[in-house]
């Protein structure tokens, strides 16, 4: 199952929503660009979770990943 889609602005949006705790943790473990946000912004119990990443930007239904391009 693909957990990402491209939104109308070209951003990668997580399709799991805001409560797919295990999926968000697994995606963060697979991501080489994961960067933890300040602890005050964490929402997941797992330290390494997309929900706790500095590059996530919340949307109404989920979040988009704003990590830098991997080709730089």
PDB file of N, CA and C in Angstrom:
ATOM      1  N   UNK A   1       0.837  -1.178   0.000  1.00  0.00           N
ATOM      2  CA  UNK A   1       0.000   0.000   0.000  1.00  0.00           C
ATOM      3  C   UNK A   1       0.889   1.250   0.000  1.00  0.00           C
ATOM      4  N   UNK A   2       0.620   2.146  -0.923  1.00  0.00           N
ATOM      5  CA  UNK A   2       1.384   3.381  -1.009  1.00  0.00           C
ATOM      6  C   UNK A   2       0.834   4.388   0.009  1.00  0.00           C
ATOM      7  N   UNK A   3       1.693   4.876   0.869  1.00  0.00           N
ATOM      8  CA  UNK A   3       1.252   5.798   1.916  1.00  0.00           C
ATOM      9  C   UNK A   3       1.460   7.263   1.553  1.00  0.00           C
ATOM     10  N   UNK A   4       1.848   7.528   0.315  1.00  0.00           N
ATOM     11  CA  UNK A   4       2.095   8.902  -0.099  1.00  0.00           C
ATOM     12  C   UNK A   4       1.376   9.204  -1.401  1.00  0.00           C
ATOM     13  N   UNK A   5       0.917  10.433  -1.529  1.00  0.00           N
ATOM     14  CA  UNK A   5       0.352  10.907  -2.785  1.00  0.00           C
ATOM     15  C   UNK A   5       0.884  12.317  -3.005  1.00  0.00           C
ATOM     16  N   UNK A   6       0.812  12.789  -4.218  1.00  0.00           N
ATOM     17  CA  UNK A   6       1.218  14.153  -4.516  1.00  0.00           C
ATOM     18  C   UNK A   6      -0.032  15.027  -4.494  1.00  0.00           C
ATOM     19  N   UNK A   7      -0.021  16.076  -3.669  1.00  0.00           N
ATOM     20  CA  UNK A   7      -1.185  16.954  -3.603  1.00  0.00           C
ATOM     21  C   UNK A   7      -1.177  17.941  -4.769  1.00  0.00           C
ATOM     22  N   UNK A   8      -2.185  18.787  -4.841  1.00  0.00           N
ATOM     23  CA  UNK A   8      -2.321  19.703  -5.983  1.00  0.00           C
ATOM     24  C   UNK A   8      -1.208  20.740  -6.054  1.00  0.00           C
ATOM     25  N   UNK A   9      -0.462  20.913  -4.959  1.00  0.00           N
ATOM     26  CA  UNK A   9       0.662  21.852  -4.944  1.00  0.00           C
ATOM     27  C   UNK A   9       2.000  21.170  -5.198  1.00  0.00           C
ATOM     28  N   UNK A  10       1.958  19.869  -5.457  1.00  0.00           N
ATOM     29  CA  UNK A  10       3.186  19.123  -5.719  1.00  0.00           C
ATOM     30  C   UNK A  10       3.875  18.602  -4.480  1.00  0.00           C
ATOM     31  N   UNK A  11       3.242  18.727  -3.309  1.00  0.00           N
ATOM     32  CA  UNK A  11       3.816  18.226  -2.054  1.00  0.00           C
ATOM     33  C   UNK A  11       3.488  16.753  -1.873  1.00  0.00           C
ATOM     34  N   UNK A  12       4.374  16.038  -1.170  1.00  0.00           N
ATOM     35  CA  UNK A  12       4.095  14.647  -0.804  1.00  0.00           C
ATOM     36  C   UNK A  12       3.228  14.642   0.443  1.00  0.00           C
ATOM     37  N   UNK A  13       2.003  14.113   0.298  1.00  0.00           N
ATOM     38  CA  UNK A  13       1.069  14.051   1.422  1.00  0.00           C
ATOM     39  C   UNK A  13       0.936  12.613   1.909  1.00  0.00           C
ATOM     40  N   UNK A  14       0.999  12.443   3.214  1.00  0.00           N
ATOM     41  CA  UNK A  14       0.844  11.140   3.861  1.00  0.00           C
ATOM     42  C   UNK A  14      -0.626  10.761   3.812  1.00  0.00           C
ATOM     43  N   UNK A  15      -0.933   9.598   3.233  1.00  0.00           N
ATOM     44  CA  UNK A  15      -2.334   9.191   3.083  1.00  0.00           C
ATOM     45  C   UNK A  15      -2.886   8.492   4.315  1.00  0.00           C
ATOM     46  N   UNK A  16      -2.046   8.267   5.305  1.00  0.00           N
ATOM     47  CA  UNK A  16      -2.491   7.574   6.509  1.00  0.00           C
ATOM     48  C   UNK A  16      -3.265   8.434   7.485  1.00  0.00           C
ATOM     49  N   UNK A  17      -3.314   9.736   7.238  1.00  0.00           N
ATOM     50  CA  UNK A  17      -4.034  10.617   8.148  1.00  0.00           C
ATOM     51  C   UNK A  17      -3.227  10.970   9.387  1.00  0.00           C
ATOM     52  N   UNK A  18      -3.924  11.367  10.423  1.00  0.00           N
ATOM     53  CA  UNK A  18      -3.261  11.838  11.644  1.00  0.00           C
ATOM     54  C   UNK A  18      -3.174  10.797  12.753  1.00  0.00           C
ATOM     55  N   UNK A  19      -3.684   9.588  12.499  1.00  0.00           N
ATOM     56  CA  UNK A  19      -3.681   8.591  13.561  1.00  0.00           C
ATOM     57  C   UNK A  19      -3.156   7.234  13.117  1.00  0.00           C
ATOM     58  N   UNK A  20      -2.313   7.223  12.110  1.00  0.00           N
ATOM     59  CA  UNK A  20      -1.681   5.983  11.653  1.00  0.00           C
ATOM     60  C   UNK A  20      -0.301   5.895  12.295  1.00  0.00           C
ATOM     61  N   UNK A  21      -0.309   5.686  13.602  1.00  0.00           N
ATOM     62  CA  UNK A  21       0.907   5.764  14.408  1.00  0.00           C
ATOM     63  C   UNK A  21       1.990   4.811  13.929  1.00  0.00           C
ATOM     64  N   UNK A  22       1.643   3.549  13.706  1.00  0.00           N
ATOM     65  CA  UNK A  22       2.645   2.561  13.280  1.00  0.00           C
ATOM     66  C   UNK A  22       3.176   2.877  11.885  1.00  0.00           C
ATOM     67  N   UNK A  23       2.309   3.255  10.971  1.00  0.00           N
ATOM     68  CA  UNK A  23       2.736   3.562   9.600  1.00  0.00           C
ATOM     69  C   UNK A  23       3.647   4.787   9.573  1.00  0.00           C
ATOM     70  N   UNK A  24       3.324   5.795  10.363  1.00  0.00           N
ATOM     71  CA  UNK A  24       4.158   7.007  10.404  1.00  0.00           C
ATOM     72  C   UNK A  24       5.527   6.702  11.008  1.00  0.00           C
ATOM     73  N   UNK A  25       5.574   5.824  11.996  1.00  0.00           N
ATOM     74  CA  UNK A  25       6.857   5.429  12.594  1.00  0.00           C
ATOM     75  C   UNK A  25       7.681   4.624  11.593  1.00  0.00           C
ATOM     76  N   UNK A  26       7.041   3.696  10.879  1.00  0.00           N
ATOM     77  CA  UNK A  26       7.753   2.894   9.895  1.00  0.00           C
ATOM     78  C   UNK A  26       8.306   3.777   8.773  1.00  0.00           C
ATOM     79  N   UNK A  27       7.523   4.716   8.282  1.00  0.00           N
ATOM     80  CA  UNK A  27       7.986   5.605   7.220  1.00  0.00           C
ATOM     81  C   UNK A  27       9.193   6.422   7.682  1.00  0.00           C
ATOM     82  N   UNK A  28       9.173   6.881   8.924  1.00  0.00           N
ATOM     83  CA  UNK A  28      10.300   7.658   9.455  1.00  0.00           C
ATOM     84  C   UNK A  28      11.555   6.791   9.577  1.00  0.00           C
ATOM     85  N   UNK A  29      11.377   5.528   9.949  1.00  0.00           N
ATOM     86  CA  UNK A  29      12.529   4.625  10.054  1.00  0.00           C
ATOM     87  C   UNK A  29      13.152   4.372   8.686  1.00  0.00           C
ATOM     88  N   UNK A  30      12.348   4.417   7.629  1.00  0.00           N
ATOM     89  CA  UNK A  30      12.843   4.196   6.271  1.00  0.00           C
ATOM     90  C   UNK A  30      13.422   5.468   5.638  1.00  0.00           C
ATOM     91  N   UNK A  31      13.167   6.611   6.243  1.00  0.00           N
ATOM     92  CA  UNK A  31      13.551   7.901   5.659  1.00  0.00           C
ATOM     93  C   UNK A  31      14.950   8.320   6.107  1.00  0.00           C
ATOM     94  N   UNK A  32      15.820   8.541   5.148  1.00  0.00           N
ATOM     95  CA  UNK A  32      17.186   8.962   5.504  1.00  0.00           C
ATOM     96  C   UNK A  32      17.262  10.460   5.785  1.00  0.00           C
ATOM     97  N   UNK A  33      16.187  11.205   5.523  1.00  0.00           N
ATOM     98  CA  UNK A  33      16.176  12.647   5.780  1.00  0.00           C
ATOM     99  C   UNK A  33      15.414  13.015   7.056  1.00  0.00           C
ATOM    100  N   UNK A  34      14.955  12.009   7.804  1.00  0.00           N
ATOM    101  CA  UNK A  34      14.227  12.288   9.037  1.00  0.00           C
ATOM    102  C   UNK A  34      15.050  13.189   9.945  1.00  0.00           C
ATOM    103  N   UNK A  35      14.397  14.192  10.494  1.00  0.00           N
ATOM    104  CA  UNK A  35      15.045  15.122  11.422  1.00  0.00           C
ATOM    105  C   UNK A  35      14.044  15.426  12.528  1.00  0.00           C
ATOM    106  N   UNK A  36      14.329  15.031  13.761  1.00  0.00           N
ATOM    107  CA  UNK A  36      13.347  15.252  14.828  1.00  0.00           C
ATOM    108  C   UNK A  36      13.088  16.731  15.071  1.00  0.00           C
ATOM    109  N   UNK A  37      11.827  17.048  15.265  1.00  0.00           N
ATOM    110  CA  UNK A  37      11.426  18.405  15.627  1.00  0.00           C
ATOM    111  C   UNK A  37      11.769  18.626  17.101  1.00  0.00           C
ATOM    112  N   UNK A  38      11.608  19.827  17.600  1.00  0.00           N
ATOM    113  CA  UNK A  38      11.813  20.081  19.031  1.00  0.00           C
ATOM    114  C   UNK A  38      10.768  19.274  19.803  1.00  0.00           C
ATOM    115  N   UNK A  39      11.150  18.752  20.939  1.00  0.00           N
ATOM    116  CA  UNK A  39      10.270  17.849  21.695  1.00  0.00           C
ATOM    117  C   UNK A  39       8.906  18.444  22.001  1.00  0.00           C
ATOM    118  N   UNK A  40       8.822  19.732  22.158  1.00  0.00           N
ATOM    119  CA  UNK A  40       7.537  20.371  22.456  1.00  0.00           C
ATOM    120  C   UNK A  40       6.533  20.193  21.318  1.00  0.00           C
ATOM    121  N   UNK A  41       7.028  19.897  20.109  1.00  0.00           N
ATOM    122  CA  UNK A  41       6.166  19.715  18.935  1.00  0.00           C
ATOM    123  C   UNK A  41       5.838  18.249  18.655  1.00  0.00           C
ATOM    124  N   UNK A  42       6.397  17.332  19.435  1.00  0.00           N
ATOM    125  CA  UNK A  42       6.153  15.912  19.220  1.00  0.00           C
ATOM    126  C   UNK A  42       4.718  15.556  19.600  1.00  0.00           C
ATOM    127  N   UNK A  43       4.125  14.662  18.827  1.00  0.00           N
ATOM    128  CA  UNK A  43       2.783  14.171  19.147  1.00  0.00           C
ATOM    129  C   UNK A  43       2.755  12.645  19.274  1.00  0.00           C
ATOM    130  N   UNK A  44       3.770  11.968  18.764  1.00  0.00           N
ATOM    131  CA  UNK A  44       3.821  10.502  18.806  1.00  0.00           C
ATOM    132  C   UNK A  44       4.729  10.028  19.937  1.00  0.00           C
ATOM    133  N   UNK A  45       4.417   8.855  20.471  1.00  0.00           N
ATOM    134  CA  UNK A  45       5.257   8.258  21.512  1.00  0.00           C
ATOM    135  C   UNK A  45       6.589   7.786  20.945  1.00  0.00           C
ATOM    136  N   UNK A  46       6.580   7.302  19.702  1.00  0.00           N
ATOM    137  CA  UNK A  46       7.815   6.895  19.025  1.00  0.00           C
ATOM    138  C   UNK A  46       8.644   8.137  18.739  1.00  0.00           C
ATOM    139  N   UNK A  47       9.894   8.165  19.194  1.00  0.00           N
ATOM    140  CA  UNK A  47      10.764   9.310  18.896  1.00  0.00           C
ATOM    141  C   UNK A  47      10.890   9.516  17.392  1.00  0.00           C
ATOM    142  N   UNK A  48      11.123   8.418  16.678  1.00  0.00           N
ATOM    143  CA  UNK A  48      11.315   8.493  15.229  1.00  0.00           C
ATOM    144  C   UNK A  48       9.991   8.177  14.547  1.00  0.00           C
ATOM    145  N   UNK A  49       9.246   9.205  14.260  1.00  0.00           N
ATOM    146  CA  UNK A  49       7.949   9.108  13.591  1.00  0.00           C
ATOM    147  C   UNK A  49       7.795  10.335  12.704  1.00  0.00           C
ATOM    148  N   UNK A  50       7.174  10.154  11.564  1.00  0.00           N
ATOM    149  CA  UNK A  50       6.906  11.312  10.698  1.00  0.00           C
ATOM    150  C   UNK A  50       6.118  12.377  11.462  1.00  0.00           C
ATOM    151  N   UNK A  51       5.298  11.949  12.400  1.00  0.00           N
ATOM    152  CA  UNK A  51       4.513  12.897  13.195  1.00  0.00           C
ATOM    153  C   UNK A  51       5.397  13.786  14.071  1.00  0.00           C
ATOM    154  N   UNK A  52       6.628  13.373  14.302  1.00  0.00           N
ATOM    155  CA  UNK A  52       7.560  14.146  15.125  1.00  0.00           C
ATOM    156  C   UNK A  52       8.687  14.773  14.304  1.00  0.00           C
ATOM    157  N   UNK A  53       8.558  14.754  12.992  1.00  0.00           N
ATOM    158  CA  UNK A  53       9.635  15.232  12.129  1.00  0.00           C
ATOM    159  C   UNK A  53       9.563  16.748  11.905  1.00  0.00           C
ATOM    160  N   UNK A  54      10.704  17.350  11.862  1.00  0.00           N
ATOM    161  CA  UNK A  54      10.814  18.787  11.621  1.00  0.00           C
ATOM    162  C   UNK A  54      10.250  19.191  10.259  1.00  0.00           C
ATOM    163  N   UNK A  55      10.245  18.265   9.299  1.00  0.00           N
ATOM    164  CA  UNK A  55       9.820  18.579   7.941  1.00  0.00           C
ATOM    165  C   UNK A  55       8.334  18.371   7.684  1.00  0.00           C
ATOM    166  N   UNK A  56       7.569  17.879   8.654  1.00  0.00           N
ATOM    167  CA  UNK A  56       6.138  17.673   8.426  1.00  0.00           C
ATOM    168  C   UNK A  56       5.382  18.975   8.673  1.00  0.00           C
ATOM    169  N   UNK A  57       4.389  19.180   7.820  1.00  0.00           N
ATOM    170  CA  UNK A  57       3.501  20.340   7.950  1.00  0.00           C
ATOM    171  C   UNK A  57       2.083  19.805   7.966  1.00  0.00           C
ATOM    172  N   UNK A  58       1.377  20.077   9.051  1.00  0.00           N
ATOM    173  CA  UNK A  58       0.023  19.551   9.223  1.00  0.00           C
ATOM    174  C   UNK A  58      -0.931  20.137   8.192  1.00  0.00           C
ATOM    175  N   UNK A  59      -1.850  19.295   7.745  1.00  0.00           N
ATOM    176  CA  UNK A  59      -2.951  19.710   6.885  1.00  0.00           C
ATOM    177  C   UNK A  59      -4.241  19.374   7.622  1.00  0.00           C
ATOM    178  N   UNK A  60      -5.360  19.668   7.019  1.00  0.00           N
ATOM    179  CA  UNK A  60      -6.641  19.367   7.670  1.00  0.00           C
ATOM    180  C   UNK A  60      -6.803  17.867   7.916  1.00  0.00           C
ATOM    181  N   UNK A  61      -6.349  17.042   6.970  1.00  0.00           N
ATOM    182  CA  UNK A  61      -6.564  15.600   7.082  1.00  0.00           C
ATOM    183  C   UNK A  61      -5.325  14.809   7.491  1.00  0.00           C
ATOM    184  N   UNK A  62      -4.119  15.373   7.298  1.00  0.00           N
ATOM    185  CA  UNK A  62      -2.898  14.613   7.515  1.00  0.00           C
ATOM    186  C   UNK A  62      -1.717  15.563   7.662  1.00  0.00           C
ATOM    187  N   UNK A  63      -0.655  15.317   6.880  1.00  0.00           N
ATOM    188  CA  UNK A  63       0.492  16.227   6.825  1.00  0.00           C
ATOM    189  C   UNK A  63       1.180  16.058   5.478  1.00  0.00           C
ATOM    190  N   UNK A  64       1.946  17.061   5.102  1.00  0.00           N
ATOM    191  CA  UNK A  64       2.799  16.946   3.931  1.00  0.00           C
ATOM    192  C   UNK A  64       4.247  16.931   4.406  1.00  0.00           C
ATOM    193  N   UNK A  65       5.083  16.258   3.631  1.00  0.00           N
ATOM    194  CA  UNK A  65       6.509  16.182   3.933  1.00  0.00           C
ATOM    195  C   UNK A  65       7.224  17.275   3.139  1.00  0.00           C
ATOM    196  N   UNK A  66       7.906  18.139   3.848  1.00  0.00           N
ATOM    197  CA  UNK A  66       8.638  19.241   3.223  1.00  0.00           C
ATOM    198  C   UNK A  66      10.144  19.037   3.337  1.00  0.00           C
ATOM    199  N   UNK A  67      10.578  17.782   3.368  1.00  0.00           N
ATOM    200  CA  UNK A  67      12.019  17.503   3.445  1.00  0.00           C
ATOM    201  C   UNK A  67      12.707  18.034   2.195  1.00  0.00           C
ATOM    202  N   UNK A  68      13.966  18.381   2.324  1.00  0.00           N
ATOM    203  CA  UNK A  68      14.696  18.889   1.151  1.00  0.00           C
ATOM    204  C   UNK A  68      14.776  17.829   0.058  1.00  0.00           C
ATOM    205  N   UNK A  69      14.891  18.258  -1.190  1.00  0.00           N
ATOM    206  CA  UNK A  69      15.053  17.275  -2.279  1.00  0.00           C
ATOM    207  C   UNK A  69      16.275  16.399  -2.033  1.00  0.00           C
ATOM    208  N   UNK A  70      16.187  15.140  -2.407  1.00  0.00           N
ATOM    209  CA  UNK A  70      17.291  14.208  -2.155  1.00  0.00           C
ATOM    210  C   UNK A  70      18.401  14.333  -3.177  1.00  0.00           C
ATOM    211  N   UNK A  71      18.222  15.133  -4.208  1.00  0.00           N
ATOM    212  CA  UNK A  71      19.251  15.240  -5.248  1.00  0.00           C
ATOM    213  C   UNK A  71      20.171  16.443  -5.046  1.00  0.00           C
ATOM    214  N   UNK A  72      20.201  16.994  -3.833  1.00  0.00           N
ATOM    215  CA  UNK A  72      21.119  18.130  -3.571  1.00  0.00           C
ATOM    216  C   UNK A  72      22.324  17.670  -2.807  1.00  0.00           C
TER     217      UNK A  72
END
